Amino acid sequence: MTKASARGVALLLAGSLALAACASDEEPEAGGDTGGGAAAENLEVGLAYDVGGRGDQSFNDSAYAGVEAAVEALGGEVQEFSPNEDGSDRVEGLANLAQEGFDPVIAVGFAYGESIAEVAEEFPDTTFAIVDSSVAELGVENVTGLLFAEEQGSFLAGAAAALKSETDHIGFVGGVEMPLIQKFEAGYVAGAKAVNPDIQVDVEYISPAGDFSGFGDPARGQILARSMYDAGADIVYHAAGGSGTGVFQAAAETGNRAIGVDSDQYQTVDDPELQAVIMTSMLKRVDNAVEGFITDYSEGNVQGGVDITNDLASDGVGLATSGGQIDDIQAQIEEYRQQIIDGEIEVPTTP
C-alpha cells in the first residue's frame, strides 16, 4: 500500500475512534507475547515523537538516544515522525509508520494514548510501545507501556534541594497541572520534607490540565520561577519540558540554582551561564527504556498488553551528578535511594 493509502487508513481510524470501544464484547487476554525476533539487519524502528520533535534537549532526544543505541548495537534503521503543532496528525503518523513496514513502532508521550490502541488493532502484526501511558487496561496485545516512577527520582531531587538550600525555601514549576506532572511535584515535596519537615516549598503550574502550552512557554516559566526566587527560594525544580529554559534563566538572573528534568540538562544546555546554575537533574531514563524494549523485540521477548515500570531499582530514574554540585551529599542521597528500593520509604504519587 502507498503512503497515500496509509493516510486513508489513518483517516478511517480517526473517524472510528468513537466506535472502537464497542467494537467487541470480548476481553483480550493481557500479557500476550507480541513476537518480535527480527534479524538485526532487518530491524526497522518507527519513532513517533511528542510535540516539538527531536532537538528538545530532553524527552524526545532521550527517546532518540535509546533508539540510536539499539540500532548501533543491533543494526537496522529508524524512521522518525514529528506531529504537527496541535498533534492532530498523531493517528496518521503512527499508521503510516506501521503501513510502511516499520516494526516496532514507538510512540513518545502520553498524548498518543488516545490513538495507539486503535492503530495497533488495525495493524495486529506490528509491535508497538508507548512512553508514559498505561496499556494494561486497553486489552490490546501488541502494545507495551513504558512507564516511570517519576515520583521516586523526584524524591531524591527534593532531598537534594533541601540538603543544599541555604534559605530553607525551595520551589517547583510544573508545565501542566495533570496527574503525570503531579507525580514529580509529590515526590519532590516528600523528599524535601523528609530532610527538613519545616522547609517551604512553593508550587506553581504554567498551564491548567488540558492546556499543553505549559510545556513550551519558557517566558512564563521564567516569570513563575523569578517570583519564587524573589520571595526567598534559592533552588527551583522544573518538570516543564521546554519551559524549563525559563527557570534556568531566572536562576541565572538572580544568582540562584535550579534542578533540571528528564535528561542531564547540565550536559544538554548550550549556554554556559545556564549550565552553571543547574545543580542536578532528575533523570528519567527514556533512553534506557526504549533501548531495552528494542533489544527485547529483537530477541523475541516482548510481552504485549502490559506495562513496564522503570524505577530506582532498575535505574529507570535517578539524579545526575554532572558539575559536581551535589558530590558532597551523595552519601545522604544514596541512603534515601536505598530506603526507597527496600520499601522503607513509600513515595506518594499525588500531592
Protein backbone atom coordinates (compact mmCIF):
# COMPACT_ATOMS: atom_id res chain seq x y z
CA MET A 1 0.00 0.00 0.00
CA THR A 2 1.22 3.50 -0.79
CA LYS A 3 1.73 6.33 1.69
CA ALA A 4 -1.43 7.92 0.35
CA SER A 5 -3.31 4.74 1.11
CA ALA A 6 -1.81 4.70 4.57
CA ARG A 7 -3.11 8.21 5.13
CA GLY A 8 -6.53 6.94 4.09
CA VAL A 9 -6.26 4.18 6.67
CA ALA A 10 -5.29 6.76 9.26
CA LEU A 11 -8.29 8.93 8.44
CA LEU A 12 -10.61 5.95 8.73
CA LEU A 13 -9.02 5.16 12.09
CA ALA A 14 -9.54 8.70 13.29
CA GLY A 15 -13.19 8.57 12.29
CA SER A 16 -13.75 5.28 14.10
CA LEU A 17 -12.34 6.29 17.49
CA ALA A 18 -15.80 6.65 18.99
CA LEU A 19 -16.87 3.23 17.71
CA ALA A 20 -13.75 1.32 18.71
CA ALA A 21 -14.73 0.90 22.36
CA CYS A 22 -17.89 -1.02 21.49
CA ALA A 23 -16.48 -2.99 18.56
CA SER A 24 -16.12 -6.17 20.60
CA ASP A 25 -17.63 -7.67 23.72
CA GLU A 26 -14.68 -10.00 24.22
CA GLU A 27 -11.87 -9.26 26.69
CA PRO A 28 -8.48 -9.98 25.07
CA GLU A 29 -6.01 -11.73 27.26
CA ALA A 30 -3.35 -9.33 28.57
CA GLY A 31 0.31 -10.14 28.69
CA GLY A 32 0.47 -11.90 25.35
CA ASP A 33 3.73 -12.48 23.51
CA THR A 34 3.81 -9.99 20.64
CA GLY A 35 6.61 -11.83 18.89
CA GLY A 36 9.48 -9.82 17.53
CA GLY A 37 12.78 -11.52 16.97
CA ALA A 38 13.66 -9.61 13.80
CA ALA A 39 17.09 -10.28 12.44
CA ALA A 40 19.39 -7.41 13.29
CA GLU A 41 19.98 -6.45 9.67
CA ASN A 42 16.20 -6.23 9.13
CA LEU A 43 15.43 -4.14 12.22
CA GLU A 44 13.34 -1.14 11.18
CA VAL A 45 12.19 1.05 14.05
CA GLY A 46 9.46 3.67 13.77
CA LEU A 47 9.78 6.51 16.30
CA ALA A 48 6.87 8.93 16.77
CA TYR A 49 7.88 11.99 18.79
CA ASP A 50 5.93 14.13 21.16
CA VAL A 51 5.18 17.70 20.01
CA GLY A 52 8.43 19.54 19.38
CA GLY A 53 10.23 16.57 17.88
CA ARG A 54 13.90 15.80 18.10
CA GLY A 55 16.06 18.63 19.42
CA ASP A 56 14.15 19.39 22.63
CA GLN A 57 17.29 18.59 24.70
CA SER A 58 15.08 16.48 26.94
CA PHE A 59 12.30 13.92 26.47
CA ASN A 60 12.29 13.38 22.70
CA ASP A 61 16.06 13.47 22.46
CA SER A 62 16.32 10.83 25.17
CA ALA A 63 13.99 8.53 23.23
CA TYR A 64 16.06 9.01 20.08
CA ALA A 65 19.24 8.26 22.01
CA GLY A 66 17.74 4.94 23.08
CA VAL A 67 16.79 4.03 19.51
CA GLU A 68 20.19 5.14 18.23
CA ALA A 69 21.97 2.96 20.79
CA ALA A 70 19.84 -0.05 19.90
CA VAL A 71 20.33 0.38 16.16
CA GLU A 72 24.06 0.85 16.63
CA ALA A 73 24.24 -2.39 18.62
CA LEU A 74 21.83 -4.44 16.53
CA GLY A 75 21.97 -2.90 13.08
CA GLY A 76 18.96 -1.63 11.16
CA GLU A 77 17.43 1.80 10.67
CA VAL A 78 14.98 4.25 12.21
CA GLN A 79 12.20 6.31 10.64
CA GLU A 80 11.12 9.37 12.64
CA PHE A 81 7.76 11.16 12.77
CA SER A 82 7.02 14.51 14.41
CA PRO A 83 3.39 15.56 14.87
CA ASN A 84 2.11 18.95 13.85
CA GLU A 85 1.74 21.71 16.43
CA ASP A 86 -1.70 20.68 17.66
CA GLY A 87 -0.96 16.96 17.43
CA SER A 88 -3.95 16.30 15.18
CA ASP A 89 -1.99 14.01 12.86
CA ARG A 90 -0.79 11.54 15.50
CA VAL A 91 -3.05 8.73 14.28
CA GLU A 92 -1.97 9.24 10.69
CA GLY A 93 1.68 9.30 11.69
CA LEU A 94 1.51 6.04 13.63
CA ALA A 95 -0.49 4.35 10.86
CA ASN A 96 1.97 5.46 8.20
CA LEU A 97 4.93 4.05 10.13
CA ALA A 98 3.19 0.70 10.57
CA GLN A 99 1.93 0.59 6.98
CA GLU A 100 5.41 1.30 5.64
CA GLY A 101 6.71 -1.77 7.49
CA PHE A 102 8.46 -0.25 10.47
CA ASP A 103 8.37 -2.62 13.40
CA PRO A 104 8.46 -1.96 16.30
CA VAL A 105 6.75 1.43 16.36
CA ILE A 106 7.38 3.51 19.49
CA ALA A 107 5.17 6.46 20.47
CA VAL A 108 6.81 9.01 22.75
CA GLY A 109 4.44 10.64 25.21
CA PHE A 110 1.07 10.14 26.88
CA ALA A 111 -0.67 12.20 24.19
CA TYR A 112 -0.57 9.13 21.93
CA GLY A 113 -2.61 7.20 24.48
CA GLU A 114 -5.95 8.01 22.87
CA SER A 115 -4.93 6.74 19.44
CA ILE A 116 -2.37 3.97 19.78
CA ALA A 117 -4.88 1.26 20.69
CA GLU A 118 -6.91 1.86 17.52
CA VAL A 119 -3.81 1.95 15.33
CA ALA A 120 -2.45 -1.20 16.97
CA GLU A 121 -5.70 -3.06 16.37
CA GLU A 122 -5.57 -2.09 12.70
CA PHE A 123 -2.00 -3.44 12.46
CA PRO A 124 -2.03 -6.56 14.68
CA ASP A 125 1.23 -7.89 13.23
CA THR A 126 3.15 -4.76 14.26
CA THR A 127 4.63 -4.41 17.75
CA PHE A 128 4.01 -1.04 19.43
CA ALA A 129 5.22 0.67 22.60
CA ILE A 130 4.16 3.92 24.21
CA VAL A 131 6.14 6.01 26.67
CA ASP A 132 4.26 7.46 29.65
CA SER A 133 0.88 5.85 29.05
CA SER A 134 -0.52 2.68 30.59
CA VAL A 135 -1.76 -0.05 28.26
CA ALA A 136 -2.72 -2.63 30.88
CA GLU A 137 -6.41 -1.76 30.63
CA LEU A 138 -6.55 -1.34 26.85
CA GLY A 139 -6.86 -5.04 26.08
CA VAL A 140 -4.54 -4.78 23.06
CA GLU A 141 -1.90 -7.48 22.97
CA ASN A 142 0.60 -5.82 20.64
CA VAL A 143 1.25 -2.66 22.70
CA THR A 144 3.62 -2.32 25.67
CA GLY A 145 3.54 0.61 28.10
CA LEU A 146 6.89 2.08 29.14
CA LEU A 147 6.24 3.86 32.43
CA PHE A 148 8.46 5.54 35.03
CA ALA A 149 8.44 6.07 38.78
CA GLU A 150 8.95 9.83 38.38
CA GLU A 151 7.97 10.34 41.99
CA GLN A 152 10.96 8.29 43.17
CA GLY A 153 13.53 10.27 41.22
CA SER A 154 11.81 13.49 42.23
CA PHE A 155 12.03 12.46 45.89
CA LEU A 156 15.80 12.40 45.53
CA ALA A 157 15.68 15.79 43.79
CA GLY A 158 13.67 17.18 46.70
CA ALA A 159 16.06 15.70 49.24
CA ALA A 160 19.00 17.23 47.36
CA ALA A 161 17.29 20.62 47.25
CA ALA A 162 16.58 20.58 50.98
CA LEU A 163 20.11 19.47 51.80
CA LYS A 164 21.63 22.23 49.66
CA SER A 165 19.19 25.07 50.35
CA GLU A 166 20.58 27.93 52.42
CA THR A 167 17.19 29.58 52.93
CA ASP A 168 15.02 26.54 53.76
CA HIS A 169 12.81 27.72 50.92
CA ILE A 170 12.61 25.98 47.53
CA GLY A 171 10.22 25.80 44.59
CA PHE A 172 8.64 23.61 41.91
CA VAL A 173 7.42 24.70 38.48
CA GLY A 174 5.25 22.20 36.60
CA GLY A 175 4.39 22.50 32.93
CA VAL A 176 0.77 21.34 33.01
CA GLU A 177 -1.30 20.61 36.10
CA MET A 178 -2.08 16.98 35.35
CA PRO A 179 -1.56 13.64 37.16
CA LEU A 180 1.71 12.80 35.39
CA ILE A 181 3.39 16.08 36.36
CA GLN A 182 1.84 15.99 39.82
CA LYS A 183 3.87 12.80 40.41
CA PHE A 184 7.00 14.93 40.06
CA GLU A 185 5.59 17.51 42.50
CA ALA A 186 4.52 14.89 45.05
CA GLY A 187 7.89 13.16 45.10
CA TYR A 188 9.83 16.42 45.23
CA VAL A 189 7.87 17.80 48.17
CA ALA A 190 8.07 14.46 50.01
CA GLY A 191 11.84 14.29 49.56
CA ALA A 192 12.35 17.85 50.77
CA LYS A 193 10.11 17.28 53.81
CA ALA A 194 11.97 14.06 54.65
CA VAL A 195 15.11 16.14 55.08
CA ASN A 196 13.51 19.20 56.64
CA PRO A 197 9.84 18.99 57.73
CA ASP A 198 9.72 22.77 58.09
CA ILE A 199 11.05 23.66 54.65
CA GLN A 200 8.86 25.93 52.50
CA VAL A 201 8.07 24.55 49.04
CA ASP A 202 6.38 26.91 46.55
CA VAL A 203 4.44 25.16 43.76
CA GLU A 204 3.20 26.71 40.52
CA TYR A 205 1.95 25.33 37.19
CA ILE A 206 2.33 27.12 33.89
CA SER A 207 -0.95 25.91 32.39
CA PRO A 208 -4.05 24.04 33.62
CA ALA A 209 -4.99 20.48 32.75
CA GLY A 210 -5.80 20.09 29.07
CA ASP A 211 -3.68 23.06 28.00
CA PHE A 212 -0.33 21.66 26.93
CA SER A 213 1.17 25.04 26.10
CA GLY A 214 2.83 24.89 29.52
CA PHE A 215 5.49 22.59 28.10
CA GLY A 216 6.60 25.17 25.55
CA ASP A 217 6.39 28.54 27.29
CA PRO A 218 9.83 29.42 28.69
CA ALA A 219 8.80 33.05 29.19
CA ARG A 220 6.06 32.01 31.60
CA GLY A 221 8.40 29.52 33.28
CA GLN A 222 10.87 32.34 33.83
CA ILE A 223 8.21 34.59 35.38
CA LEU A 224 7.00 31.93 37.81
CA ALA A 225 10.49 30.89 38.85
CA ARG A 226 11.61 34.51 39.21
CA SER A 227 8.73 35.17 41.61
CA MET A 228 9.84 32.21 43.73
CA TYR A 229 13.46 33.38 43.81
CA ASP A 230 12.36 36.92 44.64
CA ALA A 231 10.29 35.52 47.53
CA GLY A 232 13.31 33.77 49.03
CA ALA A 233 13.56 30.38 47.34
CA ASP A 234 17.12 29.54 46.33
CA ILE A 235 16.52 26.30 44.37
CA VAL A 236 13.67 25.60 41.90
CA TYR A 237 12.95 22.23 40.27
CA HIS A 238 11.09 22.20 36.97
CA ALA A 239 9.06 19.47 35.29
CA ALA A 240 8.03 21.65 32.39
CA GLY A 241 9.67 20.42 29.21
CA GLY A 242 10.88 23.27 27.03
CA SER A 243 9.62 25.82 29.56
CA GLY A 244 12.45 24.75 31.87
CA THR A 245 14.83 27.02 29.99
CA GLY A 246 12.97 29.94 31.53
CA VAL A 247 13.52 28.51 35.01
CA PHE A 248 17.25 28.30 34.33
CA GLN A 249 17.25 31.88 33.07
CA ALA A 250 15.53 33.08 36.24
CA ALA A 251 18.09 31.24 38.37
CA ALA A 252 20.95 32.83 36.44
CA GLU A 253 19.43 36.31 36.73
CA THR A 254 19.01 36.04 40.50
CA GLY A 255 22.19 34.16 41.37
CA ASN A 256 20.37 31.02 42.47
CA ARG A 257 20.20 27.38 41.38
CA ALA A 258 17.79 25.10 39.55
CA ILE A 259 17.14 21.40 39.02
CA GLY A 260 16.56 20.01 35.53
CA VAL A 261 14.46 17.08 34.43
CA ASP A 262 14.36 14.02 32.15
CA SER A 263 17.88 14.37 30.67
CA ASP A 264 21.09 15.54 32.30
CA GLN A 265 20.39 19.15 31.41
CA TYR A 266 23.81 20.30 32.63
CA GLN A 267 25.08 18.42 29.59
CA THR A 268 22.37 19.49 27.13
CA VAL A 269 22.05 23.26 27.59
CA ASP A 270 24.30 25.22 25.25
CA ASP A 271 24.68 28.35 27.39
CA PRO A 272 27.49 28.27 29.98
CA GLU A 273 25.62 30.76 32.19
CA LEU A 274 22.62 28.44 32.36
CA GLN A 275 24.78 25.35 32.77
CA ALA A 276 26.36 26.91 35.86
CA VAL A 277 23.03 27.16 37.71
CA ILE A 278 21.91 23.55 37.12
CA MET A 279 22.63 21.84 40.42
CA THR A 280 21.43 18.44 39.23
CA SER A 281 18.71 16.91 37.03
CA MET A 282 16.15 14.25 37.77
CA LEU A 283 16.97 11.61 35.19
CA LYS A 284 14.07 9.86 33.54
CA ARG A 285 15.87 7.23 31.51
CA VAL A 286 13.63 7.09 28.48
CA ASP A 287 16.75 6.13 26.53
CA ASN A 288 17.32 3.01 28.63
CA ALA A 289 13.64 2.01 28.48
CA VAL A 290 13.46 2.41 24.71
CA GLU A 291 16.76 0.65 24.08
CA GLY A 292 15.72 -2.21 26.35
CA PHE A 293 12.38 -2.58 24.60
CA ILE A 294 14.01 -2.73 21.15
CA THR A 295 16.54 -5.26 22.40
CA ASP A 296 13.75 -7.42 23.81
CA TYR A 297 11.92 -7.13 20.49
CA SER A 298 15.00 -8.25 18.56
CA GLU A 299 15.24 -11.30 20.82
CA GLY A 300 11.54 -12.12 20.61
CA ASN A 301 10.97 -11.35 24.28
CA VAL A 302 8.41 -8.53 24.17
CA GLN A 303 5.30 -9.05 26.27
CA GLY A 304 2.35 -7.07 24.95
CA GLY A 305 -0.66 -5.75 26.81
CA VAL A 306 1.42 -4.98 29.91
CA ASP A 307 3.21 -2.03 31.47
CA ILE A 308 6.90 -1.96 32.35
CA THR A 309 7.69 0.48 35.15
CA ASN A 310 11.21 1.88 35.23
CA ASP A 311 12.14 2.86 38.79
CA LEU A 312 15.12 3.44 41.06
CA ALA A 313 15.77 -0.27 41.39
CA SER A 314 16.15 -0.62 37.61
CA ASP A 315 17.97 2.72 37.21
CA GLY A 316 14.96 3.96 35.27
CA VAL A 317 15.08 7.21 37.26
CA GLY A 318 17.82 8.87 39.26
CA LEU A 319 19.87 12.03 39.81
CA ALA A 320 22.60 13.44 37.58
CA THR A 321 25.94 14.37 39.15
CA SER A 322 27.40 16.46 36.33
CA GLY A 323 29.01 19.65 37.52
CA GLY A 324 29.83 18.28 40.95
CA GLN A 325 27.34 20.43 42.86
CA ILE A 326 25.84 17.51 44.78
CA ASP A 327 29.02 15.50 45.28
CA ASP A 328 29.11 16.43 48.96
CA ILE A 329 25.65 14.95 49.67
CA GLN A 330 25.99 11.68 47.76
CA ALA A 331 26.01 9.60 50.95
CA GLN A 332 22.67 11.02 52.07
CA ILE A 333 21.14 10.69 48.61
CA GLU A 334 22.26 7.09 48.34
CA GLU A 335 20.74 6.33 51.74
CA TYR A 336 17.36 7.68 50.65
CA ARG A 337 17.65 5.83 47.35
CA GLN A 338 18.24 2.51 49.09
CA GLN A 339 15.42 3.08 51.55
CA ILE A 340 13.02 3.61 48.63
CA ILE A 341 14.28 0.50 46.84
CA ASP A 342 13.96 -1.54 50.03
CA GLY A 343 10.41 -0.34 50.61
CA GLU A 344 11.26 1.53 53.79
CA ILE A 345 10.09 4.77 52.18
CA GLU A 346 6.89 4.76 50.11
CA VAL A 347 6.89 7.80 47.89
CA PRO A 348 3.49 9.43 47.21
CA THR A 349 2.30 9.86 43.63
CA THR A 350 -0.22 12.64 44.30
CA PRO A 351 0.26 15.98 46.09
